[in-house]
């Protein structure tokens, strides 16, 4: 299960994930990540590295 929640102060997005897999995990795993709202940061551009991208492609 997973979900997103806006923090009470409205400045953070909270992502929570809960994983249960008795075959590969000895016990359930819970993780929480938080992202800050940063309107002062401008996303930068990056060139795509085609060789790296090809490693993640699969043919069906």
PDB file of N, CA and C in Angstrom:
ATOM      1  N   UNK A   1       0.852  -1.170   0.000  1.00  0.00           N
ATOM      2  CA  UNK A   1       0.000   0.000   0.000  1.00  0.00           C
ATOM      3  C   UNK A   1       0.898   1.233   0.000  1.00  0.00           C
ATOM      4  N   UNK A   2       0.375   2.290  -0.555  1.00  0.00           N
ATOM      5  CA  UNK A   2       1.125   3.531  -0.571  1.00  0.00           C
ATOM      6  C   UNK A   2       0.158   4.703  -0.559  1.00  0.00           C
ATOM      7  N   UNK A   3       0.658   5.851  -0.148  1.00  0.00           N
ATOM      8  CA  UNK A   3      -0.198   7.024  -0.141  1.00  0.00           C
ATOM      9  C   UNK A   3       0.593   8.303   0.012  1.00  0.00           C
ATOM     10  N   UNK A   4      -0.021   9.390  -0.432  1.00  0.00           N
ATOM     11  CA  UNK A   4       0.557  10.730  -0.311  1.00  0.00           C
ATOM     12  C   UNK A   4      -0.321  11.548   0.626  1.00  0.00           C
ATOM     13  N   UNK A   5       0.315  12.351   1.463  1.00  0.00           N
ATOM     14  CA  UNK A   5      -0.402  13.223   2.381  1.00  0.00           C
ATOM     15  C   UNK A   5       0.271  14.590   2.367  1.00  0.00           C
ATOM     16  N   UNK A   6      -0.524  15.644   2.360  1.00  0.00           N
ATOM     17  CA  UNK A   6       0.019  16.987   2.485  1.00  0.00           C
ATOM     18  C   UNK A   6       0.182  17.289   3.970  1.00  0.00           C
ATOM     19  N   UNK A   7       1.362  17.756   4.371  1.00  0.00           N
ATOM     20  CA  UNK A   7       1.612  18.089   5.777  1.00  0.00           C
ATOM     21  C   UNK A   7       0.658  19.189   6.225  1.00  0.00           C
ATOM     22  N   UNK A   8       0.390  19.232   7.511  1.00  0.00           N
ATOM     23  CA  UNK A   8      -0.557  20.214   8.060  1.00  0.00           C
ATOM     24  C   UNK A   8      -0.172  21.648   7.719  1.00  0.00           C
ATOM     25  N   UNK A   9       1.140  21.919   7.681  1.00  0.00           N
ATOM     26  CA  UNK A   9       1.564  23.295   7.383  1.00  0.00           C
ATOM     27  C   UNK A   9       1.576  23.594   5.876  1.00  0.00           C
ATOM     28  N   UNK A  10       1.310  22.579   5.034  1.00  0.00           N
ATOM     29  CA  UNK A  10       1.212  22.778   3.604  1.00  0.00           C
ATOM     30  C   UNK A  10       2.538  22.949   2.879  1.00  0.00           C
ATOM     31  N   UNK A  11       3.652  22.696   3.571  1.00  0.00           N
ATOM     32  CA  UNK A  11       4.959  22.912   2.949  1.00  0.00           C
ATOM     33  C   UNK A  11       5.670  21.618   2.573  1.00  0.00           C
ATOM     34  N   UNK A  12       5.086  20.470   2.886  1.00  0.00           N
ATOM     35  CA  UNK A  12       5.733  19.193   2.591  1.00  0.00           C
ATOM     36  C   UNK A  12       4.717  18.184   2.077  1.00  0.00           C
ATOM     37  N   UNK A  13       5.182  17.326   1.174  1.00  0.00           N
ATOM     38  CA  UNK A  13       4.394  16.209   0.696  1.00  0.00           C
ATOM     39  C   UNK A  13       4.997  14.960   1.323  1.00  0.00           C
ATOM     40  N   UNK A  14       4.174  14.175   1.986  1.00  0.00           N
ATOM     41  CA  UNK A  14       4.636  12.989   2.693  1.00  0.00           C
ATOM     42  C   UNK A  14       4.184  11.755   1.925  1.00  0.00           C
ATOM     43  N   UNK A  15       5.148  10.905   1.589  1.00  0.00           N
ATOM     44  CA  UNK A  15       4.882   9.661   0.857  1.00  0.00           C
ATOM     45  C   UNK A  15       5.152   8.495   1.799  1.00  0.00           C
ATOM     46  N   UNK A  16       4.166   7.635   1.968  1.00  0.00           N
ATOM     47  CA  UNK A  16       4.321   6.471   2.829  1.00  0.00           C
ATOM     48  C   UNK A  16       4.046   5.207   2.025  1.00  0.00           C
ATOM     49  N   UNK A  17       4.890   4.196   2.223  1.00  0.00           N
ATOM     50  CA  UNK A  17       4.714   2.918   1.533  1.00  0.00           C
ATOM     51  C   UNK A  17       4.852   1.788   2.559  1.00  0.00           C
ATOM     52  N   UNK A  18       4.023   0.761   2.397  1.00  0.00           N
ATOM     53  CA  UNK A  18       4.001  -0.403   3.282  1.00  0.00           C
ATOM     54  C   UNK A  18       4.057  -1.638   2.392  1.00  0.00           C
ATOM     55  N   UNK A  19       5.107  -2.458   2.548  1.00  0.00           N
ATOM     56  CA  UNK A  19       5.308  -3.619   1.689  1.00  0.00           C
ATOM     57  C   UNK A  19       5.285  -4.896   2.520  1.00  0.00           C
ATOM     58  N   UNK A  20       4.485  -5.870   2.077  1.00  0.00           N
ATOM     59  CA  UNK A  20       4.436  -7.187   2.699  1.00  0.00           C
ATOM     60  C   UNK A  20       4.744  -8.212   1.615  1.00  0.00           C
ATOM     61  N   UNK A  21       5.810  -8.991   1.804  1.00  0.00           N
ATOM     62  CA  UNK A  21       6.166 -10.054   0.870  1.00  0.00           C
ATOM     63  C   UNK A  21       6.834 -11.173   1.663  1.00  0.00           C
ATOM     64  N   UNK A  22       6.035 -12.144   2.121  1.00  0.00           N
ATOM     65  CA  UNK A  22       6.589 -13.189   2.975  1.00  0.00           C
ATOM     66  C   UNK A  22       7.638 -14.066   2.287  1.00  0.00           C
ATOM     67  N   UNK A  23       7.693 -14.066   0.971  1.00  0.00           N
ATOM     68  CA  UNK A  23       8.693 -14.858   0.252  1.00  0.00           C
ATOM     69  C   UNK A  23      10.078 -14.214   0.359  1.00  0.00           C
ATOM     70  N   UNK A  24      10.141 -12.883   0.227  1.00  0.00           N
ATOM     71  CA  UNK A  24      11.427 -12.183   0.193  1.00  0.00           C
ATOM     72  C   UNK A  24      11.738 -11.353   1.429  1.00  0.00           C
ATOM     73  N   UNK A  25      10.748 -11.060   2.243  1.00  0.00           N
ATOM     74  CA  UNK A  25      10.961 -10.214   3.414  1.00  0.00           C
ATOM     75  C   UNK A  25      10.639 -10.983   4.692  1.00  0.00           C
ATOM     76  N   UNK A  26      11.504 -10.855   5.689  1.00  0.00           N
ATOM     77  CA  UNK A  26      11.271 -11.515   6.971  1.00  0.00           C
ATOM     78  C   UNK A  26      10.136 -10.853   7.744  1.00  0.00           C
ATOM     79  N   UNK A  27       9.926  -9.584   7.484  1.00  0.00           N
ATOM     80  CA  UNK A  27       8.840  -8.842   8.142  1.00  0.00           C
ATOM     81  C   UNK A  27       8.407  -7.701   7.227  1.00  0.00           C
ATOM     82  N   UNK A  28       7.210  -7.155   7.451  1.00  0.00           N
ATOM     83  CA  UNK A  28       6.743  -6.032   6.627  1.00  0.00           C
ATOM     84  C   UNK A  28       7.696  -4.836   6.721  1.00  0.00           C
ATOM     85  N   UNK A  29       7.756  -4.074   5.638  1.00  0.00           N
ATOM     86  CA  UNK A  29       8.639  -2.904   5.568  1.00  0.00           C
ATOM     87  C   UNK A  29       7.781  -1.652   5.399  1.00  0.00           C
ATOM     88  N   UNK A  30       8.078  -0.634   6.190  1.00  0.00           N
ATOM     89  CA  UNK A  30       7.403   0.659   6.082  1.00  0.00           C
ATOM     90  C   UNK A  30       8.450   1.725   5.814  1.00  0.00           C
ATOM     91  N   UNK A  31       8.197   2.582   4.832  1.00  0.00           N
ATOM     92  CA  UNK A  31       9.089   3.696   4.553  1.00  0.00           C
ATOM     93  C   UNK A  31       8.286   4.973   4.432  1.00  0.00           C
ATOM     94  N   UNK A  32       8.880   6.055   4.881  1.00  0.00           N
ATOM     95  CA  UNK A  32       8.266   7.376   4.761  1.00  0.00           C
ATOM     96  C   UNK A  32       9.296   8.330   4.165  1.00  0.00           C
ATOM     97  N   UNK A  33       8.868   9.073   3.168  1.00  0.00           N
ATOM     98  CA  UNK A  33       9.721  10.075   2.535  1.00  0.00           C
ATOM     99  C   UNK A  33       8.967  11.401   2.544  1.00  0.00           C
ATOM    100  N   UNK A  34       9.707  12.485   2.705  1.00  0.00           N
ATOM    101  CA  UNK A  34       9.081  13.806   2.697  1.00  0.00           C
ATOM    102  C   UNK A  34       9.788  14.699   1.682  1.00  0.00           C
ATOM    103  N   UNK A  35       8.996  15.430   0.922  1.00  0.00           N
ATOM    104  CA  UNK A  35       9.514  16.390  -0.035  1.00  0.00           C
ATOM    105  C   UNK A  35       9.070  17.779   0.386  1.00  0.00           C
ATOM    106  N   UNK A  36      10.034  18.697   0.449  1.00  0.00           N
ATOM    107  CA  UNK A  36       9.745  20.082   0.812  1.00  0.00           C
ATOM    108  C   UNK A  36       9.240  20.857  -0.394  1.00  0.00           C
ATOM    109  N   UNK A  37       8.320  21.765  -0.155  1.00  0.00           N
ATOM    110  CA  UNK A  37       7.850  22.696  -1.188  1.00  0.00           C
ATOM    111  C   UNK A  37       8.900  23.774  -1.329  1.00  0.00           C
ATOM    112  N   UNK A  38       9.511  23.875  -2.501  1.00  0.00           N
ATOM    113  CA  UNK A  38      10.596  24.831  -2.729  1.00  0.00           C
ATOM    114  C   UNK A  38      10.339  25.622  -3.996  1.00  0.00           C
ATOM    115  N   UNK A  39       9.460  26.633  -3.955  1.00  0.00           N
ATOM    116  CA  UNK A  39       9.179  27.416  -5.156  1.00  0.00           C
ATOM    117  C   UNK A  39      10.375  28.255  -5.618  1.00  0.00           C
ATOM    118  N   UNK A  40      11.396  28.397  -4.774  1.00  0.00           N
ATOM    119  CA  UNK A  40      12.560  29.188  -5.129  1.00  0.00           C
ATOM    120  C   UNK A  40      13.554  28.416  -6.001  1.00  0.00           C
ATOM    121  N   UNK A  41      13.368  27.103  -6.142  1.00  0.00           N
ATOM    122  CA  UNK A  41      14.285  26.290  -6.930  1.00  0.00           C
ATOM    123  C   UNK A  41      13.723  26.101  -8.332  1.00  0.00           C
ATOM    124  N   UNK A  42      14.543  26.407  -9.316  1.00  0.00           N
ATOM    125  CA  UNK A  42      14.149  26.238 -10.711  1.00  0.00           C
ATOM    126  C   UNK A  42      14.743  24.918 -11.204  1.00  0.00           C
ATOM    127  N   UNK A  43      13.904  24.017 -11.743  1.00  0.00           N
ATOM    128  CA  UNK A  43      14.453  22.746 -12.253  1.00  0.00           C
ATOM    129  C   UNK A  43      15.474  23.004 -13.358  1.00  0.00           C
ATOM    130  N   UNK A  44      16.570  22.269 -13.304  1.00  0.00           N
ATOM    131  CA  UNK A  44      17.596  22.414 -14.317  1.00  0.00           C
ATOM    132  C   UNK A  44      17.409  21.403 -15.434  1.00  0.00           C
ATOM    133  N   UNK A  45      17.981  21.719 -16.580  1.00  0.00           N
ATOM    134  CA  UNK A  45      17.905  20.812 -17.710  1.00  0.00           C
ATOM    135  C   UNK A  45      19.131  19.914 -17.710  1.00  0.00           C
ATOM    136  N   UNK A  46      18.910  18.668 -18.085  1.00  0.00           N
ATOM    137  CA  UNK A  46      20.004  17.713 -18.178  1.00  0.00           C
ATOM    138  C   UNK A  46      19.881  16.969 -19.502  1.00  0.00           C
ATOM    139  N   UNK A  47      21.010  16.734 -20.136  1.00  0.00           N
ATOM    140  CA  UNK A  47      20.999  15.952 -21.362  1.00  0.00           C
ATOM    141  C   UNK A  47      20.768  14.486 -21.015  1.00  0.00           C
ATOM    142  N   UNK A  48      20.026  13.803 -21.868  1.00  0.00           N
ATOM    143  CA  UNK A  48      19.752  12.392 -21.686  1.00  0.00           C
ATOM    144  C   UNK A  48      20.969  11.580 -22.127  1.00  0.00           C
ATOM    145  N   UNK A  49      21.420  10.680 -21.281  1.00  0.00           N
ATOM    146  CA  UNK A  49      22.502   9.768 -21.625  1.00  0.00           C
ATOM    147  C   UNK A  49      21.865   8.520 -22.225  1.00  0.00           C
ATOM    148  N   UNK A  50      21.889   8.396 -23.549  1.00  0.00           N
ATOM    149  CA  UNK A  50      21.190   7.314 -24.230  1.00  0.00           C
ATOM    150  C   UNK A  50      21.714   5.931 -23.836  1.00  0.00           C
ATOM    151  N   UNK A  51      23.005   5.802 -23.588  1.00  0.00           N
ATOM    152  CA  UNK A  51      23.544   4.507 -23.183  1.00  0.00           C
ATOM    153  C   UNK A  51      22.968   4.080 -21.832  1.00  0.00           C
ATOM    154  N   UNK A  52      22.853   5.018 -20.903  1.00  0.00           N
ATOM    155  CA  UNK A  52      22.252   4.699 -19.602  1.00  0.00           C
ATOM    156  C   UNK A  52      20.770   4.384 -19.751  1.00  0.00           C
ATOM    157  N   UNK A  53      20.076   5.130 -20.579  1.00  0.00           N
ATOM    158  CA  UNK A  53      18.653   4.911 -20.770  1.00  0.00           C
ATOM    159  C   UNK A  53      18.372   3.543 -21.384  1.00  0.00           C
ATOM    160  N   UNK A  54      19.212   3.110 -22.292  1.00  0.00           N
ATOM    161  CA  UNK A  54      19.019   1.810 -22.952  1.00  0.00           C
ATOM    162  C   UNK A  54      19.063   0.655 -21.954  1.00  0.00           C
ATOM    163  N   UNK A  55      19.793   0.801 -20.871  1.00  0.00           N
ATOM    164  CA  UNK A  55      19.876  -0.279 -19.872  1.00  0.00           C
ATOM    165  C   UNK A  55      18.519  -0.533 -19.209  1.00  0.00           C
ATOM    166  N   UNK A  56      17.630   0.441 -19.263  1.00  0.00           N
ATOM    167  CA  UNK A  56      16.338   0.309 -18.594  1.00  0.00           C
ATOM    168  C   UNK A  56      15.219  -0.041 -19.555  1.00  0.00           C
ATOM    169  N   UNK A  57      15.544  -0.218 -20.820  1.00  0.00           N
ATOM    170  CA  UNK A  57      14.542  -0.578 -21.813  1.00  0.00           C
ATOM    171  C   UNK A  57      14.470  -2.097 -21.941  1.00  0.00           C
ATOM    172  N   UNK A  58      13.261  -2.600 -22.103  1.00  0.00           N
ATOM    173  CA  UNK A  58      13.081  -4.026 -22.339  1.00  0.00           C
ATOM    174  C   UNK A  58      12.192  -4.196 -23.559  1.00  0.00           C
ATOM    175  N   UNK A  59      12.411  -5.251 -24.264  1.00  0.00           N
ATOM    176  CA  UNK A  59      11.574  -5.548 -25.413  1.00  0.00           C
ATOM    177  C   UNK A  59      10.551  -6.595 -25.013  1.00  0.00           C
ATOM    178  N   UNK A  60       9.337  -6.436 -25.507  1.00  0.00           N
ATOM    179  CA  UNK A  60       8.287  -7.365 -25.143  1.00  0.00           C
ATOM    180  C   UNK A  60       8.056  -8.361 -26.241  1.00  0.00           C
TER     181      UNK A  60
END
